Amino acid sequence: MSPEVRTHVNMKPYREALALPGLRSLLLVAVLARIPLTATGVTLTFHVVLDLDRGYGAAGLVGAAITVGAAIGGPLLGRLVDRRGLRPVLVLTGVAEAVFWATAPSLPYPLLLPAAFVAGSLALPIFSVVRQSIAALVPEDRRRPAYALDSMSVELSFMIGPALAVALVTAISARTTLYLVGGGIVAAGIALWLLNPPIRSAAEPTGPQRRVPRREWLTPRLLAVLAVSAAATLVLGGTDVAVVAVLRESGEVGWTGAVLASWAVASLVGGFAYGAVHRSLSPLALTAALGLCTIPVGLGGGNWWLLSLALIPAGALCAPSIAASSDAVSRLAPAAVRGEAMGLHGSAVTVGIAVGAPLAGAVIDASAPLWGFVVTGALGALVTLVVLPIELRRRRTDDRRIDSPELATTGNETAQVGT
């Protein structure tokens, strides 16, 4: 097969997905809207340290307050989207974001901490809403490249947002950057309100629906996907900290940006490849591979270019792992509760990062930087091993449906979930 034909075949899933009405504009708004959101952590850290003259521990508490608030508020906001629609939730969260970011620069630390928690619980739900809208805009057989594009857009946002925040803090001040970040978040909410992407497909019923009890949709299979999602981001959060620690110990901390950038580029390439292949991959398998590939990264030592090379296999699995879990949740959750399910997925991702970073830090403090990679990678792989019986049980059920036409008919929706 010629290179021209291979390129055409690989790009076809993306062309077909992007040809769907509404998807291009959604992804464009998503990547622009996420940039200020990804800048919040580093901006608040600089504000607490430089403007409030507090330590990094105090800054970490503010970040933790936002994270915990977001983990709690995500599913609740998702449920509101399911029941009331998208625009009322965007108005609620947009007003909350405007109030917080307009007042945060002048709040004393004792008030900033609880305000950050409230702001986190009412944070603009861009990540979960975009994934919910993708499920509404894209048929099931084309969601893999769509979610791959979404995952790559998240990588781009994280590459741009924090770096831009650091540049603004350096050039202007942390206090002014807080106002700019807040303005960007409010503008993102307005853009999403104007776009008003659908939360259910044309084939799915709209308007008030029968409330679906959680026991009907929060199945062991869905809980397993959420656990795997948390495991993947736990590995990513731990890797982030371990990279900094390894380079700092070897005196090459100045290369941290280059190493993290190469890791992000590998993730982008992996995400692109995931969306272009013709066969779906299980989020469990991808996360297991991510964990196993992370374990030996520390063997690259403190040499920055060796560390960059060692990160490539794990980096290439970052975006695919998140995209696959998002796709699985969109298939497993009924349309009537998809917002809440996506909120739970967002909470799982948030909790994973929140646990992974301090866990790696504690391990590194107690031993050596390379053990940050080992422990978080092994823990991520261990979670996939724990939920493996659920996956195997589902596959045996699918096999029985194939053998029995009656079971195949009655269980068609579950059988479509695939791997």
Protein backbone atom coordinates (compact mmCIF):
# COMPACT_ATOMS: atom_id res chain seq x y z
CA MET A 1 0.00 0.00 0.00
CA SER A 2 1.40 3.38 -0.97
CA PRO A 3 1.99 6.13 1.60
CA GLU A 4 -0.71 8.24 -0.09
CA VAL A 5 -3.29 5.48 0.39
CA ARG A 6 -2.26 4.87 4.01
CA THR A 7 -2.59 8.58 4.78
CA HIS A 8 -6.02 8.67 3.17
CA VAL A 9 -7.19 5.64 5.14
CA ASN A 10 -5.87 7.02 8.42
CA MET A 11 -7.45 10.44 7.92
CA LYS A 12 -10.83 9.09 6.83
CA PRO A 13 -12.29 8.64 10.35
CA TYR A 14 -11.42 12.24 11.17
CA ARG A 15 -12.85 13.59 7.92
CA GLU A 16 -16.10 11.71 8.49
CA ALA A 17 -16.38 12.90 12.09
CA LEU A 18 -15.56 16.54 11.31
CA ALA A 19 -18.08 16.54 8.46
CA LEU A 20 -20.88 16.08 11.01
CA PRO A 21 -22.83 19.32 11.62
CA GLY A 22 -21.80 21.17 14.75
CA LEU A 23 -18.72 19.15 15.71
CA ARG A 24 -16.07 21.51 14.32
CA SER A 25 -17.50 24.56 16.07
CA LEU A 26 -17.87 22.59 19.32
CA LEU A 27 -14.22 21.47 19.28
CA LEU A 28 -13.02 24.97 18.41
CA VAL A 29 -14.94 26.54 21.29
CA ALA A 30 -13.75 23.68 23.55
CA VAL A 31 -10.04 24.22 22.97
CA LEU A 32 -10.30 28.02 23.37
CA ALA A 33 -12.56 27.77 26.43
CA ARG A 34 -10.31 25.29 28.21
CA ILE A 35 -7.18 27.46 28.02
CA PRO A 36 -8.18 29.83 30.86
CA LEU A 37 -9.47 26.89 32.91
CA THR A 38 -6.10 25.13 32.67
CA ALA A 39 -4.39 28.33 33.82
CA THR A 40 -6.32 28.61 37.11
CA GLY A 41 -4.05 26.39 39.23
CA VAL A 42 -0.74 28.05 38.47
CA THR A 43 -2.28 31.55 38.60
CA LEU A 44 -3.78 31.02 42.05
CA THR A 45 -0.50 29.50 43.23
CA PHE A 46 1.45 32.60 42.19
CA HIS A 47 -1.18 34.87 43.74
CA VAL A 48 -1.05 33.11 47.12
CA VAL A 49 2.76 32.98 47.16
CA LEU A 50 3.57 36.42 45.72
CA ASP A 51 0.61 38.64 46.59
CA LEU A 52 -0.54 37.07 49.87
CA ASP A 53 3.01 36.18 50.93
CA ARG A 54 2.06 32.61 51.89
CA GLY A 55 3.93 29.37 51.32
CA TYR A 56 3.42 26.75 48.64
CA GLY A 57 1.58 24.58 51.16
CA ALA A 58 -1.05 27.30 51.56
CA ALA A 59 -1.26 27.62 47.78
CA GLY A 60 -1.72 23.86 47.52
CA LEU A 61 -4.66 24.04 49.92
CA VAL A 62 -6.41 26.55 47.65
CA GLY A 63 -5.85 24.25 44.69
CA ALA A 64 -7.13 21.31 46.72
CA ALA A 65 -10.24 23.28 47.69
CA ILE A 66 -11.08 23.93 44.04
CA THR A 67 -10.36 20.30 43.14
CA VAL A 68 -12.57 18.87 45.90
CA GLY A 69 -15.33 21.32 45.02
CA ALA A 70 -15.15 20.34 41.35
CA ALA A 71 -15.23 16.62 42.17
CA ILE A 72 -18.38 17.12 44.25
CA GLY A 73 -20.08 19.64 42.00
CA GLY A 74 -19.43 17.95 38.64
CA PRO A 75 -22.07 15.21 38.90
CA LEU A 76 -24.57 17.60 40.49
CA LEU A 77 -24.19 20.10 37.66
CA GLY A 78 -24.43 17.23 35.18
CA ARG A 79 -27.74 16.20 36.74
CA LEU A 80 -28.98 19.79 36.41
CA VAL A 81 -28.03 19.76 32.72
CA ASP A 82 -30.01 16.53 32.26
CA ARG A 83 -33.11 17.95 33.97
CA ARG A 84 -33.06 21.67 33.15
CA GLY A 85 -31.01 21.93 30.01
CA LEU A 86 -27.59 23.41 29.29
CA ARG A 87 -28.21 27.14 29.22
CA PRO A 88 -29.61 27.54 32.77
CA VAL A 89 -26.56 25.71 34.14
CA LEU A 90 -24.23 27.91 32.09
CA VAL A 91 -25.90 31.02 33.51
CA LEU A 92 -25.57 29.69 37.08
CA THR A 93 -21.93 28.72 36.73
CA GLY A 94 -21.04 31.80 34.67
CA VAL A 95 -22.34 34.12 37.39
CA ALA A 96 -20.52 32.11 40.07
CA GLU A 97 -17.26 32.27 38.11
CA ALA A 98 -17.64 36.03 37.53
CA VAL A 99 -18.22 36.70 41.24
CA PHE A 100 -15.28 34.55 42.35
CA TRP A 101 -12.69 35.88 39.90
CA ALA A 102 -13.80 39.49 40.40
CA THR A 103 -13.35 39.22 44.18
CA ALA A 104 -10.53 36.64 44.53
CA PRO A 105 -7.66 39.13 44.06
CA SER A 106 -8.86 41.19 47.05
CA LEU A 107 -9.88 38.34 49.38
CA PRO A 108 -7.71 37.58 52.42
CA TYR A 109 -6.45 34.01 52.59
CA PRO A 110 -8.98 32.80 55.24
CA LEU A 111 -11.82 33.83 52.90
CA LEU A 112 -10.09 32.76 49.68
CA LEU A 113 -9.99 29.12 50.84
CA PRO A 114 -13.76 28.57 51.27
CA ALA A 115 -14.48 30.78 48.24
CA ALA A 116 -12.26 28.51 46.15
CA PHE A 117 -14.25 25.47 47.28
CA VAL A 118 -17.55 27.11 46.31
CA ALA A 119 -16.10 28.25 42.98
CA GLY A 120 -14.87 24.72 42.29
CA SER A 121 -18.28 23.20 43.00
CA LEU A 122 -19.88 25.72 40.60
CA ALA A 123 -17.09 25.69 38.03
CA LEU A 124 -17.98 26.02 34.37
CA PRO A 125 -18.56 22.38 33.28
CA ILE A 126 -16.80 22.72 29.94
CA PHE A 127 -15.00 19.37 30.02
CA SER A 128 -18.08 17.26 30.79
CA VAL A 129 -20.47 19.31 28.62
CA VAL A 130 -18.24 19.00 25.56
CA ARG A 131 -18.03 15.22 26.00
CA GLN A 132 -21.79 15.01 26.53
CA SER A 133 -22.39 17.06 23.38
CA ILE A 134 -20.04 14.87 21.35
CA ALA A 135 -22.22 11.88 22.29
CA ALA A 136 -25.27 13.83 21.07
CA LEU A 137 -23.69 15.05 17.82
CA VAL A 138 -21.79 11.91 16.78
CA PRO A 139 -23.21 8.44 16.06
CA GLU A 140 -21.69 5.65 18.15
CA ASP A 141 -19.62 4.24 15.29
CA ARG A 142 -17.84 7.59 14.79
CA ARG A 143 -17.29 8.64 18.39
CA ARG A 144 -13.78 7.21 18.71
CA PRO A 145 -12.13 9.80 16.40
CA ALA A 146 -14.36 12.54 17.86
CA TYR A 147 -13.28 11.75 21.41
CA ALA A 148 -9.68 11.45 20.21
CA LEU A 149 -9.92 14.99 18.84
CA ASP A 150 -11.40 16.15 22.14
CA SER A 151 -8.59 14.51 24.09
CA MET A 152 -6.00 16.13 21.85
CA SER A 153 -7.66 19.51 22.35
CA VAL A 154 -7.32 19.02 26.12
CA GLU A 155 -3.60 18.38 25.65
CA LEU A 156 -3.27 21.57 23.61
CA SER A 157 -5.09 23.55 26.28
CA PHE A 158 -2.78 22.24 29.01
CA MET A 159 0.24 23.04 26.86
CA ILE A 160 -0.90 26.64 26.31
CA GLY A 161 -2.83 27.64 29.46
CA PRO A 162 -0.26 27.23 32.27
CA ALA A 163 2.61 28.55 30.11
CA LEU A 164 0.56 31.61 29.16
CA ALA A 165 -0.32 32.22 32.82
CA VAL A 166 3.34 32.08 33.85
CA ALA A 167 4.24 34.54 31.07
CA LEU A 168 1.50 36.95 32.16
CA VAL A 169 2.46 36.75 35.84
CA THR A 170 6.08 37.43 34.92
CA ALA A 171 5.25 40.29 32.55
CA ILE A 172 2.46 41.95 34.56
CA SER A 173 1.49 40.59 37.99
CA ALA A 174 -0.29 37.66 39.57
CA ARG A 175 -3.20 39.84 40.68
CA THR A 176 -3.84 41.19 37.17
CA THR A 177 -3.49 37.70 35.72
CA LEU A 178 -6.26 36.53 38.05
CA TYR A 179 -8.60 39.09 36.50
CA LEU A 180 -7.55 38.05 32.98
CA VAL A 181 -8.05 34.35 33.69
CA GLY A 182 -11.45 35.05 35.23
CA GLY A 183 -12.44 37.14 32.23
CA GLY A 184 -11.39 34.32 29.93
CA ILE A 185 -13.50 31.80 31.85
CA VAL A 186 -16.58 34.05 31.77
CA ALA A 187 -16.04 34.63 28.03
CA ALA A 188 -15.83 30.86 27.57
CA GLY A 189 -19.18 30.44 29.32
CA ILE A 190 -20.76 33.09 27.10
CA ALA A 191 -19.36 31.42 23.97
CA LEU A 192 -20.73 28.06 25.04
CA TRP A 193 -24.11 29.67 25.86
CA LEU A 194 -24.25 31.22 22.38
CA LEU A 195 -23.21 27.97 20.71
CA ASN A 196 -25.73 25.99 22.82
CA PRO A 197 -24.58 22.55 21.62
CA PRO A 198 -27.14 19.74 21.88
CA ILE A 199 -27.02 17.44 24.90
CA ARG A 200 -29.15 14.76 23.21
CA SER A 201 -29.15 13.55 19.64
CA ALA A 202 -32.04 14.09 17.25
CA ALA A 203 -33.03 10.44 17.69
CA GLU A 204 -33.13 10.72 21.49
CA PRO A 205 -36.21 12.08 23.30
CA THR A 206 -36.09 15.67 24.51
CA GLY A 207 -37.96 17.47 27.25
CA PRO A 208 -38.75 16.09 30.72
CA GLN A 209 -37.99 12.39 30.96
CA ARG A 210 -38.65 9.64 33.44
CA ARG A 211 -36.04 9.75 36.15
CA VAL A 212 -33.78 6.79 35.68
CA PRO A 213 -32.77 5.32 39.08
CA ARG A 214 -29.02 5.13 39.53
CA ARG A 215 -29.19 1.39 40.15
CA GLU A 216 -30.31 1.00 36.52
CA TRP A 217 -27.34 2.78 34.95
CA LEU A 218 -24.59 3.01 37.58
CA THR A 219 -23.60 -0.57 36.82
CA PRO A 220 -20.43 -2.43 37.81
CA ARG A 221 -19.24 -1.97 34.22
CA LEU A 222 -19.63 1.83 34.42
CA LEU A 223 -18.04 1.95 37.87
CA ALA A 224 -15.11 -0.02 36.45
CA VAL A 225 -14.67 2.55 33.66
CA LEU A 226 -14.73 5.37 36.24
CA ALA A 227 -12.12 3.56 38.35
CA VAL A 228 -9.91 3.08 35.29
CA SER A 229 -10.32 6.78 34.41
CA ALA A 230 -9.13 7.75 37.89
CA ALA A 231 -6.23 5.29 37.62
CA ALA A 232 -5.09 6.83 34.33
CA THR A 233 -4.99 10.38 35.67
CA LEU A 234 -3.39 9.18 38.91
CA VAL A 235 -0.50 7.95 36.78
CA LEU A 236 -0.38 11.25 34.88
CA GLY A 237 -0.43 13.36 38.04
CA GLY A 238 2.33 11.26 39.58
CA THR A 239 4.44 11.42 36.43
CA ASP A 240 4.22 15.21 36.37
CA VAL A 241 5.68 15.47 39.88
CA ALA A 242 8.26 12.74 39.35
CA VAL A 243 9.65 14.43 36.22
CA VAL A 244 10.27 17.66 38.14
CA ALA A 245 11.86 15.76 41.04
CA VAL A 246 14.21 13.73 38.82
CA LEU A 247 15.43 16.79 36.93
CA ARG A 248 15.80 18.83 40.09
CA GLU A 249 17.92 16.14 41.74
CA SER A 250 20.23 15.98 38.74
CA GLY A 251 20.55 19.76 38.43
CA GLU A 252 18.74 19.91 35.08
CA VAL A 253 15.53 21.53 36.28
CA GLY A 254 15.84 24.11 33.51
CA TRP A 255 14.92 21.39 31.02
CA THR A 256 11.63 20.61 32.75
CA GLY A 257 9.55 22.49 30.18
CA ALA A 258 11.21 20.68 27.29
CA VAL A 259 10.67 17.25 28.88
CA LEU A 260 7.02 17.92 29.68
CA ALA A 261 6.50 19.32 26.18
CA SER A 262 7.90 16.15 24.60
CA TRP A 263 5.61 14.11 26.83
CA ALA A 264 2.61 16.19 25.66
CA VAL A 265 3.61 15.86 22.00
CA ALA A 266 3.79 12.08 22.40
CA SER A 267 0.28 12.20 23.86
CA LEU A 268 -0.97 14.19 20.87
CA VAL A 269 0.56 11.68 18.45
CA GLY A 270 -0.92 8.78 20.41
CA GLY A 271 -4.33 10.43 20.48
CA PHE A 272 -4.22 10.95 16.72
CA ALA A 273 -3.26 7.32 16.13
CA TYR A 274 -6.03 6.11 18.46
CA GLY A 275 -8.68 7.99 16.51
CA ALA A 276 -7.34 6.78 13.16
CA VAL A 277 -7.25 3.03 13.83
CA HIS A 278 -10.17 0.89 12.72
CA ARG A 279 -10.63 -1.11 15.92
CA SER A 280 -11.76 0.20 19.29
CA LEU A 281 -9.43 -0.37 22.23
CA SER A 282 -10.55 -1.02 25.78
CA PRO A 283 -9.85 1.80 28.28
CA LEU A 284 -8.81 -0.94 30.70
CA ALA A 285 -6.12 -2.25 28.32
CA LEU A 286 -4.88 1.25 27.49
CA THR A 287 -4.64 2.28 31.15
CA ALA A 288 -2.88 -0.97 32.08
CA ALA A 289 -0.34 -0.30 29.33
CA LEU A 290 0.02 3.31 30.51
CA GLY A 291 0.81 2.18 34.04
CA LEU A 292 3.27 -0.52 32.93
CA CYS A 293 5.08 1.87 30.56
CA THR A 294 5.39 4.47 33.34
CA ILE A 295 7.09 2.13 35.83
CA PRO A 296 10.53 2.06 34.10
CA VAL A 297 10.62 5.77 33.12
CA GLY A 298 12.82 6.69 36.08
CA LEU A 299 15.56 4.44 34.72
CA GLY A 300 16.25 7.22 32.21
CA GLY A 301 18.00 8.97 35.09
CA GLY A 302 18.45 12.69 35.40
CA ASN A 303 19.63 13.17 31.83
CA TRP A 304 16.81 15.26 30.31
CA TRP A 305 16.93 13.81 26.80
CA LEU A 306 17.00 10.21 28.07
CA LEU A 307 14.05 11.02 30.30
CA SER A 308 12.22 12.49 27.30
CA LEU A 309 12.79 9.31 25.30
CA ALA A 310 11.71 7.11 28.21
CA LEU A 311 8.45 9.08 28.49
CA ILE A 312 7.42 8.55 24.85
CA PRO A 313 5.67 5.14 25.22
CA ALA A 314 3.69 6.25 28.27
CA GLY A 315 3.01 9.66 26.73
CA ALA A 316 1.58 8.07 23.61
CA LEU A 317 -1.00 6.32 25.81
CA CYS A 318 -2.19 9.41 27.74
CA ALA A 319 -4.72 10.86 25.31
CA PRO A 320 -5.99 7.46 24.10
CA SER A 321 -6.69 6.36 27.69
CA ILE A 322 -8.83 9.42 28.44
CA ALA A 323 -10.55 9.32 25.05
CA ALA A 324 -11.41 5.62 25.41
CA SER A 325 -12.89 6.10 28.87
CA SER A 326 -14.99 9.08 27.67
CA ASP A 327 -16.26 7.00 24.76
CA ALA A 328 -17.13 4.09 27.06
CA VAL A 329 -19.10 6.32 29.46
CA SER A 330 -21.04 7.86 26.55
CA ARG A 331 -22.10 4.38 25.41
CA LEU A 332 -22.92 2.98 28.84
CA ALA A 333 -24.99 5.89 30.16
CA PRO A 334 -28.58 6.37 28.95
CA ALA A 335 -29.23 9.72 27.25
CA ALA A 336 -31.46 10.89 30.12
CA VAL A 337 -28.57 10.74 32.62
CA ARG A 338 -25.58 11.26 30.35
CA GLY A 339 -24.78 14.64 31.90
CA GLU A 340 -24.55 13.17 35.38
CA ALA A 341 -22.51 10.24 34.07
CA MET A 342 -20.09 12.60 32.32
CA GLY A 343 -19.91 14.63 35.53
CA LEU A 344 -18.93 11.47 37.40
CA HIS A 345 -16.30 10.80 34.75
CA GLY A 346 -14.94 14.31 35.22
CA SER A 347 -14.86 13.77 38.98
CA ALA A 348 -12.97 10.50 38.52
CA VAL A 349 -10.40 12.25 36.32
CA THR A 350 -10.07 15.08 38.86
CA VAL A 351 -9.71 12.73 41.83
CA GLY A 352 -7.04 10.73 40.01
CA ILE A 353 -4.89 13.80 39.42
CA ALA A 354 -5.52 15.07 42.96
CA VAL A 355 -4.33 11.74 44.44
CA GLY A 356 -1.49 11.03 42.03
CA ALA A 357 0.51 14.22 42.53
CA PRO A 358 0.74 14.18 46.36
CA LEU A 359 1.19 10.38 46.37
CA ALA A 360 4.20 10.65 44.09
CA GLY A 361 5.51 13.53 46.18
CA ALA A 362 5.23 11.52 49.41
CA VAL A 363 6.96 8.51 47.82
CA ILE A 364 9.76 10.70 46.44
CA ASP A 365 10.29 12.40 49.81
CA ALA A 366 10.56 9.00 51.49
CA SER A 367 12.84 7.36 48.90
CA ALA A 368 14.10 8.64 45.55
CA PRO A 369 12.55 10.41 42.50
CA LEU A 370 12.51 7.31 40.30
CA TRP A 371 10.14 5.60 42.76
CA GLY A 372 7.53 8.24 41.96
CA PHE A 373 7.21 6.67 38.51
CA VAL A 374 7.32 3.12 39.87
CA VAL A 375 4.65 3.49 42.55
CA THR A 376 2.11 5.52 40.58
CA GLY A 377 2.58 3.39 37.45
CA ALA A 378 2.21 0.17 39.45
CA LEU A 379 -0.87 1.49 41.26
CA GLY A 380 -2.51 2.44 37.96
CA ALA A 381 -1.86 -1.03 36.57
CA LEU A 382 -3.10 -2.60 39.81
CA VAL A 383 -6.47 -0.83 39.52
CA THR A 384 -6.96 -2.29 36.04
CA LEU A 385 -6.14 -5.73 37.43
CA VAL A 386 -8.75 -5.30 40.18
CA VAL A 387 -11.52 -4.42 37.70
CA LEU A 388 -10.44 -7.03 35.14
CA PRO A 389 -12.99 -9.64 36.40
CA ILE A 390 -15.82 -7.22 35.55
CA GLU A 391 -14.51 -6.90 31.99
CA LEU A 392 -14.10 -10.66 31.63
CA ARG A 393 -17.62 -11.24 32.97
CA ARG A 394 -19.02 -8.79 30.43
CA ARG A 395 -17.18 -10.53 27.59
CA ARG A 396 -18.56 -13.92 28.64
CA THR A 397 -22.05 -12.39 28.67
CA ASP A 398 -21.51 -10.99 25.17
CA ASP A 399 -20.32 -14.39 23.96
CA ARG A 400 -23.49 -16.00 25.32
CA ARG A 401 -25.60 -13.40 23.50
CA ILE A 402 -23.84 -14.24 20.25
CA ASP A 403 -24.55 -17.94 20.79
CA SER A 404 -28.19 -17.28 21.77
CA PRO A 405 -30.23 -15.16 19.30
CA GLU A 406 -32.87 -14.41 21.96
CA LEU A 407 -30.30 -13.04 24.41
CA ALA A 408 -28.63 -11.11 21.59
CA THR A 409 -31.91 -9.37 20.81
CA THR A 410 -32.81 -8.48 24.38
CA GLY A 411 -29.29 -7.39 25.26
CA ASN A 412 -28.46 -5.50 22.11
CA GLU A 413 -27.63 -2.23 23.88
CA THR A 414 -25.06 -3.83 26.15
CA ALA A 415 -23.54 -5.79 23.31
CA GLN A 416 -22.97 -2.55 21.40
CA VAL A 417 -20.71 -1.20 24.12
CA GLY A 418 -17.84 -3.26 22.77
CA THR A 419 -14.29 -3.10 23.98
